[in-house]
Amino acid sequence: MEGTVTVEQALSKGRWKLKYLPMIATFGCIGGGFFLSLNGICGGWIYPVCFSLGFVLGWLVWSYFVTKWKIWAYENVRNINELERKAVEEQLIWSSGSWFEKTEFKNYEQKQKLKQLEQKFLEKDIYKDDISIPKETIIYYSRITIIFLLVLYLGISVLGGYFLMEEEYFGLLFLGFGLYFSYCQIKKLSDKSPQIVINDKGIKLKNENLISWNMIYNDRVYSESSGKNSTNYLAFNDKKIEIDDLSIQFKKLENLLHIYRVRYEKNNS
């Protein structure tokens, strides 16, 4: 049974149990408070009560399911180091040793099972080569993305100019914002040099020397969320490169990191 579930399959199940179900419980409780108040069953005092109860209920749902999910996922996923890292990044679970980890519901048998599964974290994650991947991948700015953003920022500039013509001086903010970011996109559009080069020797960033795989650590592709916005990054060593405006998809770049490292290790074994 071990290794029969992929990392993405396990994360998909985890999103449902550890993110969506707690959200349903939380907002369901809050919605119940609105229903009771709007129908005259309870007064306004019900709102803070249901908000508090909703948060607690959502946390209890997460606390109940998280241990069950961990045991199932750690038993059936081969690359559990990658699984744990991504689960923490997606905020499905808390990092090991975190205070919040202590709020997970665990009976004696579950504690013992998780302790046994800790041995799997000592095993190195395994990845396979893919002959469809070329010897080298060169990544440029995505012209489609840059042109779309350029049109958007030029539109903001025009809107700012219109407000100024109407003597609405806050239009200066729109105009300045639009012109500055339009200039940034024009610079990117004129830059035809590779931004990232990846092969079985290592990773080369623009205007930098190639870094060999044996000098690269903690390489990963991940997302950072701020409110409703999310930004994707390639990170390794002390470097962090935004990839949203590059000609590469998140999952493809992540796969390339695994494949080229496998080829390096094979060539230098």
C-alpha atoms as a PDB file:
ATOM      1  CA  MET A   1       0.000   0.000   0.000  1.00  0.00           C
ATOM      2  CA  GLU A   2       2.976   2.328   0.673  1.00  0.00           C
ATOM      3  CA  GLY A   3       3.630   4.803  -2.136  1.00  0.00           C
ATOM      4  CA  THR A   4       0.306   4.206  -3.878  1.00  0.00           C
ATOM      5  CA  VAL A   5      -0.888   7.805  -3.356  1.00  0.00           C
ATOM      6  CA  THR A   6       0.821  10.804  -4.977  1.00  0.00           C
ATOM      7  CA  VAL A   7       1.674  13.947  -3.073  1.00  0.00           C
ATOM      8  CA  GLU A   8      -0.951  15.911  -5.003  1.00  0.00           C
ATOM      9  CA  GLN A   9      -3.662  13.317  -4.323  1.00  0.00           C
ATOM     10  CA  ALA A  10      -2.902  13.449  -0.608  1.00  0.00           C
ATOM     11  CA  LEU A  11      -2.922  17.259  -0.609  1.00  0.00           C
ATOM     12  CA  SER A  12      -6.237  17.281  -2.481  1.00  0.00           C
ATOM     13  CA  LYS A  13      -7.818  15.115   0.202  1.00  0.00           C
ATOM     14  CA  GLY A  14      -6.185  17.270   2.860  1.00  0.00           C
ATOM     15  CA  ARG A  15      -7.613  20.477   1.384  1.00  0.00           C
ATOM     16  CA  TRP A  16     -11.112  19.074   1.685  1.00  0.00           C
ATOM     17  CA  LYS A  17     -10.765  17.794   5.247  1.00  0.00           C
ATOM     18  CA  LEU A  18      -8.438  20.422   6.714  1.00  0.00           C
ATOM     19  CA  LYS A  19      -9.463  23.579   4.873  1.00  0.00           C
ATOM     20  CA  TYR A  20     -12.915  23.359   3.295  1.00  0.00           C
ATOM     21  CA  LEU A  21     -14.735  21.407   6.043  1.00  0.00           C
ATOM     22  CA  PRO A  22     -13.494  23.766   8.809  1.00  0.00           C
ATOM     23  CA  MET A  23     -14.538  26.745   6.643  1.00  0.00           C
ATOM     24  CA  ILE A  24     -17.996  25.219   6.127  1.00  0.00           C
ATOM     25  CA  ALA A  25     -18.337  24.674   9.886  1.00  0.00           C
ATOM     26  CA  THR A  26     -17.177  28.222  10.688  1.00  0.00           C
ATOM     27  CA  PHE A  27     -19.327  30.069   8.157  1.00  0.00           C
ATOM     28  CA  GLY A  28     -22.251  27.728   8.768  1.00  0.00           C
ATOM     29  CA  CYS A  29     -22.246  28.755  12.432  1.00  0.00           C
ATOM     30  CA  ILE A  30     -21.947  32.447  11.540  1.00  0.00           C
ATOM     31  CA  GLY A  31     -24.725  32.099   8.960  1.00  0.00           C
ATOM     32  CA  GLY A  32     -26.899  30.460  11.599  1.00  0.00           C
ATOM     33  CA  GLY A  33     -26.418  33.522  13.791  1.00  0.00           C
ATOM     34  CA  PHE A  34     -27.547  35.853  11.004  1.00  0.00           C
ATOM     35  CA  PHE A  35     -30.591  33.644  10.385  1.00  0.00           C
ATOM     36  CA  LEU A  36     -31.600  33.694  14.059  1.00  0.00           C
ATOM     37  CA  SER A  37     -31.167  37.452  14.309  1.00  0.00           C
ATOM     38  CA  LEU A  38     -32.932  38.358  11.051  1.00  0.00           C
ATOM     39  CA  ASN A  39     -35.895  36.189  11.995  1.00  0.00           C
ATOM     40  CA  GLY A  40     -36.213  37.850  15.411  1.00  0.00           C
ATOM     41  CA  ILE A  41     -35.355  34.673  17.311  1.00  0.00           C
ATOM     42  CA  CYS A  42     -32.288  36.257  18.922  1.00  0.00           C
ATOM     43  CA  GLY A  43     -31.029  39.782  19.381  1.00  0.00           C
ATOM     44  CA  GLY A  44     -27.815  41.377  18.145  1.00  0.00           C
ATOM     45  CA  TRP A  45     -25.845  39.644  20.885  1.00  0.00           C
ATOM     46  CA  ILE A  46     -25.944  36.472  18.749  1.00  0.00           C
ATOM     47  CA  TYR A  47     -23.408  37.878  16.246  1.00  0.00           C
ATOM     48  CA  PRO A  48     -20.295  37.921  18.470  1.00  0.00           C
ATOM     49  CA  VAL A  49     -21.366  34.626  20.024  1.00  0.00           C
ATOM     50  CA  CYS A  50     -21.693  32.884  16.644  1.00  0.00           C
ATOM     51  CA  PHE A  51     -18.475  34.425  15.343  1.00  0.00           C
ATOM     52  CA  SER A  52     -16.639  33.046  18.381  1.00  0.00           C
ATOM     53  CA  LEU A  53     -18.383  29.678  18.236  1.00  0.00           C
ATOM     54  CA  GLY A  54     -17.779  29.471  14.472  1.00  0.00           C
ATOM     55  CA  PHE A  55     -14.037  29.946  14.922  1.00  0.00           C
ATOM     56  CA  VAL A  56     -13.914  27.378  17.727  1.00  0.00           C
ATOM     57  CA  LEU A  57     -16.035  24.892  15.749  1.00  0.00           C
ATOM     58  CA  GLY A  58     -13.824  25.254  12.668  1.00  0.00           C
ATOM     59  CA  TRP A  59     -10.730  24.667  14.795  1.00  0.00           C
ATOM     60  CA  LEU A  60     -12.303  21.592  16.399  1.00  0.00           C
ATOM     61  CA  VAL A  61     -13.137  20.136  12.970  1.00  0.00           C
ATOM     62  CA  TRP A  62      -9.528  20.680  11.846  1.00  0.00           C
ATOM     63  CA  SER A  63      -8.172  19.225  15.098  1.00  0.00           C
ATOM     64  CA  TYR A  64     -10.302  16.106  14.696  1.00  0.00           C
ATOM     65  CA  PHE A  65      -9.415  15.349  11.070  1.00  0.00           C
ATOM     66  CA  VAL A  66      -5.745  16.414  10.951  1.00  0.00           C
ATOM     67  CA  THR A  67      -4.352  13.371  12.782  1.00  0.00           C
ATOM     68  CA  LYS A  68      -6.462  10.967  10.710  1.00  0.00           C
ATOM     69  CA  TRP A  69      -5.229  12.636   7.505  1.00  0.00           C
ATOM     70  CA  LYS A  70      -1.589  12.593   8.618  1.00  0.00           C
ATOM     71  CA  ILE A  71      -1.640   8.869   9.391  1.00  0.00           C
ATOM     72  CA  TRP A  72      -3.351   8.023   6.100  1.00  0.00           C
ATOM     73  CA  ALA A  73      -1.093  10.295   4.023  1.00  0.00           C
ATOM     74  CA  TYR A  74       2.188   9.323   5.719  1.00  0.00           C
ATOM     75  CA  GLU A  75       1.366   5.639   5.312  1.00  0.00           C
ATOM     76  CA  ASN A  76       0.478   5.843   1.618  1.00  0.00           C
ATOM     77  CA  VAL A  77       2.698   8.602   0.161  1.00  0.00           C
ATOM     78  CA  ARG A  78       6.315   7.768  -0.643  1.00  0.00           C
ATOM     79  CA  ASN A  79       7.783  11.288  -0.653  1.00  0.00           C
ATOM     80  CA  ILE A  80       6.481  12.424   2.721  1.00  0.00           C
ATOM     81  CA  ASN A  81       9.151  15.113   3.178  1.00  0.00           C
ATOM     82  CA  GLU A  82       7.763  16.876   0.123  1.00  0.00           C
ATOM     83  CA  LEU A  83       4.220  16.193   1.334  1.00  0.00           C
ATOM     84  CA  GLU A  84       4.808  17.733   4.764  1.00  0.00           C
ATOM     85  CA  ARG A  85       6.567  20.787   3.298  1.00  0.00           C
ATOM     86  CA  LYS A  86       3.725  21.482   0.873  1.00  0.00           C
ATOM     87  CA  ALA A  87       1.055  20.844   3.503  1.00  0.00           C
ATOM     88  CA  VAL A  88       2.714  23.422   5.770  1.00  0.00           C
ATOM     89  CA  GLU A  89       3.064  25.900   2.873  1.00  0.00           C
ATOM     90  CA  GLU A  90      -0.646  25.501   2.071  1.00  0.00           C
ATOM     91  CA  GLN A  91      -1.434  25.925   5.789  1.00  0.00           C
ATOM     92  CA  LEU A  92      -3.167  22.565   5.968  1.00  0.00           C
ATOM     93  CA  ILE A  93      -1.006  21.598   8.956  1.00  0.00           C
ATOM     94  CA  TRP A  94       1.398  23.383  11.257  1.00  0.00           C
ATOM     95  CA  SER A  95       5.138  22.832  11.197  1.00  0.00           C
ATOM     96  CA  SER A  96       6.503  20.132  13.492  1.00  0.00           C
ATOM     97  CA  GLY A  97       7.047  21.427  17.007  1.00  0.00           C
ATOM     98  CA  SER A  98       4.627  24.331  16.585  1.00  0.00           C
ATOM     99  CA  TRP A  99       2.425  25.234  19.554  1.00  0.00           C
ATOM    100  CA  PHE A 100      -0.657  24.845  17.338  1.00  0.00           C
ATOM    101  CA  GLU A 101       0.367  21.264  16.591  1.00  0.00           C
ATOM    102  CA  LYS A 102      -0.410  20.526  20.243  1.00  0.00           C
ATOM    103  CA  THR A 103      -4.108  21.292  19.606  1.00  0.00           C
ATOM    104  CA  GLU A 104      -4.456  18.219  17.361  1.00  0.00           C
ATOM    105  CA  PHE A 105      -6.686  15.492  18.780  1.00  0.00           C
ATOM    106  CA  LYS A 106      -4.647  12.305  19.229  1.00  0.00           C
ATOM    107  CA  ASN A 107      -5.484   9.170  21.165  1.00  0.00           C
ATOM    108  CA  TYR A 108      -2.778   6.821  22.432  1.00  0.00           C
ATOM    109  CA  GLU A 109      -2.868   4.568  19.347  1.00  0.00           C
ATOM    110  CA  GLN A 110      -2.610   7.531  16.986  1.00  0.00           C
ATOM    111  CA  LYS A 111       0.365   8.942  18.905  1.00  0.00           C
ATOM    112  CA  GLN A 112       2.148   5.599  18.647  1.00  0.00           C
ATOM    113  CA  LYS A 113       1.351   5.295  14.950  1.00  0.00           C
ATOM    114  CA  LEU A 114       2.702   8.772  14.184  1.00  0.00           C
ATOM    115  CA  LYS A 115       5.835   7.986  16.172  1.00  0.00           C
ATOM    116  CA  GLN A 116       6.406   4.880  14.022  1.00  0.00           C
ATOM    117  CA  LEU A 117       5.842   6.873  10.831  1.00  0.00           C
ATOM    118  CA  GLU A 118       8.488   9.423  11.863  1.00  0.00           C
ATOM    119  CA  GLN A 119      11.076   6.926  10.584  1.00  0.00           C
ATOM    120  CA  LYS A 120       9.897   7.565   7.033  1.00  0.00           C
ATOM    121  CA  PHE A 121      11.094  11.168   7.250  1.00  0.00           C
ATOM    122  CA  LEU A 122      14.658   9.842   7.412  1.00  0.00           C
ATOM    123  CA  GLU A 123      14.247   8.372   3.918  1.00  0.00           C
ATOM    124  CA  LYS A 124      15.224  10.566   1.013  1.00  0.00           C
ATOM    125  CA  ASP A 125      12.410  11.463  -1.393  1.00  0.00           C
ATOM    126  CA  ILE A 126      12.628   9.568  -4.691  1.00  0.00           C
ATOM    127  CA  TYR A 127      12.094  11.102  -8.142  1.00  0.00           C
ATOM    128  CA  LYS A 128      12.412   9.612 -11.625  1.00  0.00           C
ATOM    129  CA  ASP A 129      13.866  10.919 -14.866  1.00  0.00           C
ATOM    130  CA  ASP A 130      11.606  11.824 -17.784  1.00  0.00           C
ATOM    131  CA  ILE A 131      13.093  11.388 -21.267  1.00  0.00           C
ATOM    132  CA  SER A 132      10.590  13.880 -22.692  1.00  0.00           C
ATOM    133  CA  ILE A 133      12.379  16.673 -20.800  1.00  0.00           C
ATOM    134  CA  PRO A 134      15.174  18.269 -22.900  1.00  0.00           C
ATOM    135  CA  LYS A 135      18.806  18.447 -21.816  1.00  0.00           C
ATOM    136  CA  GLU A 136      18.345  22.094 -20.921  1.00  0.00           C
ATOM    137  CA  THR A 137      15.376  24.369 -20.261  1.00  0.00           C
ATOM    138  CA  ILE A 138      15.662  28.096 -20.947  1.00  0.00           C
ATOM    139  CA  ILE A 139      13.035  30.333 -19.354  1.00  0.00           C
ATOM    140  CA  TYR A 140      12.238  33.833 -20.645  1.00  0.00           C
ATOM    141  CA  TYR A 141       9.700  36.487 -19.742  1.00  0.00           C
ATOM    142  CA  SER A 142       6.234  35.510 -20.943  1.00  0.00           C
ATOM    143  CA  ARG A 143       5.379  37.987 -23.706  1.00  0.00           C
ATOM    144  CA  ILE A 144       1.663  37.279 -23.403  1.00  0.00           C
ATOM    145  CA  THR A 145       1.668  38.059 -19.673  1.00  0.00           C
ATOM    146  CA  ILE A 146       3.806  41.176 -20.103  1.00  0.00           C
ATOM    147  CA  ILE A 147       1.654  42.553 -22.945  1.00  0.00           C
ATOM    148  CA  PHE A 148      -1.530  41.940 -20.930  1.00  0.00           C
ATOM    149  CA  LEU A 149      -0.090  43.815 -17.937  1.00  0.00           C
ATOM    150  CA  LEU A 150       1.185  46.611 -20.184  1.00  0.00           C
ATOM    151  CA  VAL A 151      -2.292  47.147 -21.644  1.00  0.00           C
ATOM    152  CA  LEU A 152      -3.775  47.094 -18.131  1.00  0.00           C
ATOM    153  CA  TYR A 153      -1.350  49.704 -16.768  1.00  0.00           C
ATOM    154  CA  LEU A 154      -1.703  51.920 -19.838  1.00  0.00           C
ATOM    155  CA  GLY A 155      -5.449  51.804 -19.258  1.00  0.00           C
ATOM    156  CA  ILE A 156      -4.902  52.965 -15.670  1.00  0.00           C
ATOM    157  CA  SER A 157      -2.717  55.798 -16.985  1.00  0.00           C
ATOM    158  CA  VAL A 158      -5.450  56.884 -19.409  1.00  0.00           C
ATOM    159  CA  LEU A 159      -7.990  56.778 -16.587  1.00  0.00           C
ATOM    160  CA  GLY A 160      -5.714  58.955 -14.474  1.00  0.00           C
ATOM    161  CA  GLY A 161      -5.358  61.430 -17.345  1.00  0.00           C
ATOM    162  CA  TYR A 162      -9.148  61.568 -17.714  1.00  0.00           C
ATOM    163  CA  PHE A 163      -9.592  62.373 -14.009  1.00  0.00           C
ATOM    164  CA  LEU A 164      -7.023  65.162 -14.291  1.00  0.00           C
ATOM    165  CA  MET A 165      -8.879  66.643 -17.270  1.00  0.00           C
ATOM    166  CA  GLU A 166     -11.976  66.674 -15.051  1.00  0.00           C
ATOM    167  CA  GLU A 167      -9.884  68.486 -12.408  1.00  0.00           C
ATOM    168  CA  GLU A 168     -10.000  65.463 -10.129  1.00  0.00           C
ATOM    169  CA  TYR A 169      -6.443  65.645  -8.826  1.00  0.00           C
ATOM    170  CA  PHE A 170      -6.420  62.193  -7.249  1.00  0.00           C
ATOM    171  CA  GLY A 171      -6.015  61.155 -10.889  1.00  0.00           C
ATOM    172  CA  LEU A 172      -2.314  61.918 -10.374  1.00  0.00           C
ATOM    173  CA  LEU A 173      -2.088  58.723  -8.326  1.00  0.00           C
ATOM    174  CA  PHE A 174      -3.612  56.672 -11.144  1.00  0.00           C
ATOM    175  CA  LEU A 175      -1.420  58.367 -13.735  1.00  0.00           C
ATOM    176  CA  GLY A 176       1.795  57.945 -11.745  1.00  0.00           C
ATOM    177  CA  PHE A 177       0.998  54.331 -10.846  1.00  0.00           C
ATOM    178  CA  GLY A 178       0.043  53.438 -14.422  1.00  0.00           C
ATOM    179  CA  LEU A 179       3.051  55.123 -16.067  1.00  0.00           C
ATOM    180  CA  TYR A 180       5.567  53.605 -13.636  1.00  0.00           C
ATOM    181  CA  PHE A 181       4.344  50.048 -14.067  1.00  0.00           C
ATOM    182  CA  SER A 182       3.908  50.516 -17.807  1.00  0.00           C
ATOM    183  CA  TYR A 183       7.592  51.464 -17.947  1.00  0.00           C
ATOM    184  CA  CYS A 184       8.475  48.331 -15.950  1.00  0.00           C
ATOM    185  CA  GLN A 185       6.564  46.126 -18.398  1.00  0.00           C
ATOM    186  CA  ILE A 186       8.179  47.808 -21.427  1.00  0.00           C
ATOM    187  CA  LYS A 187      11.613  47.084 -19.910  1.00  0.00           C
ATOM    188  CA  LYS A 188      10.668  43.427 -19.469  1.00  0.00           C
ATOM    189  CA  LEU A 189       9.248  43.252 -22.996  1.00  0.00           C
ATOM    190  CA  SER A 190      12.535  44.510 -24.445  1.00  0.00           C
ATOM    191  CA  ASP A 191      14.560  42.054 -22.341  1.00  0.00           C
ATOM    192  CA  LYS A 192      15.063  39.007 -24.561  1.00  0.00           C
ATOM    193  CA  SER A 193      17.752  37.360 -22.421  1.00  0.00           C
ATOM    194  CA  PRO A 194      17.073  34.136 -20.473  1.00  0.00           C
ATOM    195  CA  GLN A 195      15.904  34.741 -16.911  1.00  0.00           C
ATOM    196  CA  ILE A 196      16.535  31.177 -15.718  1.00  0.00           C
ATOM    197  CA  VAL A 197      18.472  28.295 -17.287  1.00  0.00           C
ATOM    198  CA  ILE A 198      18.166  24.815 -15.762  1.00  0.00           C
ATOM    199  CA  ASN A 199      20.032  21.682 -16.820  1.00  0.00           C
ATOM    200  CA  ASP A 200      21.713  18.615 -15.328  1.00  0.00           C
ATOM    201  CA  LYS A 201      24.646  20.739 -14.176  1.00  0.00           C
ATOM    202  CA  GLY A 202      22.690  23.271 -12.132  1.00  0.00           C
ATOM    203  CA  ILE A 203      20.701  26.506 -12.227  1.00  0.00           C
ATOM    204  CA  LYS A 204      21.803  29.762 -13.835  1.00  0.00           C
ATOM    205  CA  LEU A 205      20.019  33.032 -13.153  1.00  0.00           C
ATOM    206  CA  LYS A 206      20.285  36.117 -15.343  1.00  0.00           C
ATOM    207  CA  ASN A 207      23.660  37.891 -14.991  1.00  0.00           C
ATOM    208  CA  GLU A 208      24.917  35.233 -12.575  1.00  0.00           C
ATOM    209  CA  ASN A 209      27.183  32.212 -12.858  1.00  0.00           C
ATOM    210  CA  LEU A 210      25.751  28.724 -12.961  1.00  0.00           C
ATOM    211  CA  ILE A 211      25.288  27.181  -9.504  1.00  0.00           C
ATOM    212  CA  SER A 212      26.004  23.450  -9.423  1.00  0.00           C
ATOM    213  CA  TRP A 213      23.395  21.084  -7.995  1.00  0.00           C
ATOM    214  CA  ASN A 214      25.802  20.014  -5.270  1.00  0.00           C
ATOM    215  CA  MET A 215      25.832  23.638  -4.080  1.00  0.00           C
ATOM    216  CA  ILE A 216      22.037  24.005  -4.204  1.00  0.00           C
ATOM    217  CA  TYR A 217      19.879  23.268  -1.171  1.00  0.00           C
ATOM    218  CA  ASN A 218      16.252  23.767  -0.166  1.00  0.00           C
ATOM    219  CA  ASP A 219      15.231  24.212  -3.817  1.00  0.00           C
ATOM    220  CA  ARG A 220      11.473  24.462  -4.249  1.00  0.00           C
ATOM    221  CA  VAL A 221       8.631  26.212  -6.021  1.00  0.00           C
ATOM    222  CA  TYR A 222       6.002  27.657  -3.708  1.00  0.00           C
ATOM    223  CA  SER A 223       3.280  30.297  -3.333  1.00  0.00           C
ATOM    224  CA  GLU A 224       2.980  33.180  -0.895  1.00  0.00           C
ATOM    225  CA  SER A 225      -0.479  34.570  -0.192  1.00  0.00           C
ATOM    226  CA  SER A 226      -1.304  38.094   0.908  1.00  0.00           C
ATOM    227  CA  GLY A 227      -5.027  38.611   1.267  1.00  0.00           C
ATOM    228  CA  LYS A 228      -6.643  37.520  -1.991  1.00  0.00           C
ATOM    229  CA  ASN A 229      -3.372  37.767  -3.929  1.00  0.00           C
ATOM    230  CA  SER A 230      -0.911  34.922  -4.399  1.00  0.00           C
ATOM    231  CA  THR A 231       2.617  35.081  -5.826  1.00  0.00           C
ATOM    232  CA  ASN A 232       4.639  32.098  -7.062  1.00  0.00           C
ATOM    233  CA  TYR A 233       8.375  31.828  -6.427  1.00  0.00           C
ATOM    234  CA  LEU A 234      11.369  29.688  -7.266  1.00  0.00           C
ATOM    235  CA  ALA A 235      13.598  29.531  -4.201  1.00  0.00           C
ATOM    236  CA  PHE A 236      16.935  27.892  -3.439  1.00  0.00           C
ATOM    237  CA  ASN A 237      19.797  28.715  -1.077  1.00  0.00           C
ATOM    238  CA  ASP A 238      19.216  32.371  -0.155  1.00  0.00           C
ATOM    239  CA  LYS A 239      17.591  33.266  -3.502  1.00  0.00           C
ATOM    240  CA  LYS A 240      13.926  33.933  -4.196  1.00  0.00           C
ATOM    241  CA  ILE A 241      12.748  34.602  -7.766  1.00  0.00           C
ATOM    242  CA  GLU A 242       9.194  35.555  -8.709  1.00  0.00           C
ATOM    243  CA  ILE A 243       8.034  33.396 -11.639  1.00  0.00           C
ATOM    244  CA  ASP A 244       4.504  34.655 -12.379  1.00  0.00           C
ATOM    245  CA  ASP A 245       5.624  36.690 -15.408  1.00  0.00           C
ATOM    246  CA  LEU A 246       7.951  33.983 -16.767  1.00  0.00           C
ATOM    247  CA  SER A 247       7.234  31.461 -19.532  1.00  0.00           C
ATOM    248  CA  ILE A 248       6.976  28.501 -17.146  1.00  0.00           C
ATOM    249  CA  GLN A 249       4.154  26.946 -15.165  1.00  0.00           C
ATOM    250  CA  PHE A 250       4.366  26.273 -11.442  1.00  0.00           C
ATOM    251  CA  LYS A 251       4.111  22.472 -11.611  1.00  0.00           C
ATOM    252  CA  LYS A 252       6.370  22.187 -14.659  1.00  0.00           C
ATOM    253  CA  LEU A 253       9.166  24.144 -12.982  1.00  0.00           C
ATOM    254  CA  GLU A 254       8.801  22.047  -9.850  1.00  0.00           C
ATOM    255  CA  ASN A 255       9.096  18.894 -11.965  1.00  0.00           C
ATOM    256  CA  LEU A 256      12.185  20.247 -13.725  1.00  0.00           C
ATOM    257  CA  LEU A 257      13.958  20.763 -10.392  1.00  0.00           C
ATOM    258  CA  HIS A 258      13.435  17.102  -9.544  1.00  0.00           C
ATOM    259  CA  ILE A 259      14.397  15.724 -12.967  1.00  0.00           C
ATOM    260  CA  TYR A 260      17.591  17.734 -13.488  1.00  0.00           C
ATOM    261  CA  ARG A 261      18.783  16.942  -9.980  1.00  0.00           C
ATOM    262  CA  VAL A 262      18.169  13.238 -10.639  1.00  0.00           C
ATOM    263  CA  ARG A 263      20.241  13.496 -13.841  1.00  0.00           C
ATOM    264  CA  TYR A 264      23.042  15.289 -11.995  1.00  0.00           C
ATOM    265  CA  GLU A 265      23.153  12.619  -9.301  1.00  0.00           C
ATOM    266  CA  LYS A 266      23.100   9.884 -11.921  1.00  0.00           C
ATOM    267  CA  ASN A 267      25.975  11.475 -13.867  1.00  0.00           C
ATOM    268  CA  ASN A 268      28.023  12.050 -10.722  1.00  0.00           C
ATOM    269  CA  SER A 269      27.303   8.869  -8.791  1.00  0.00           C
END
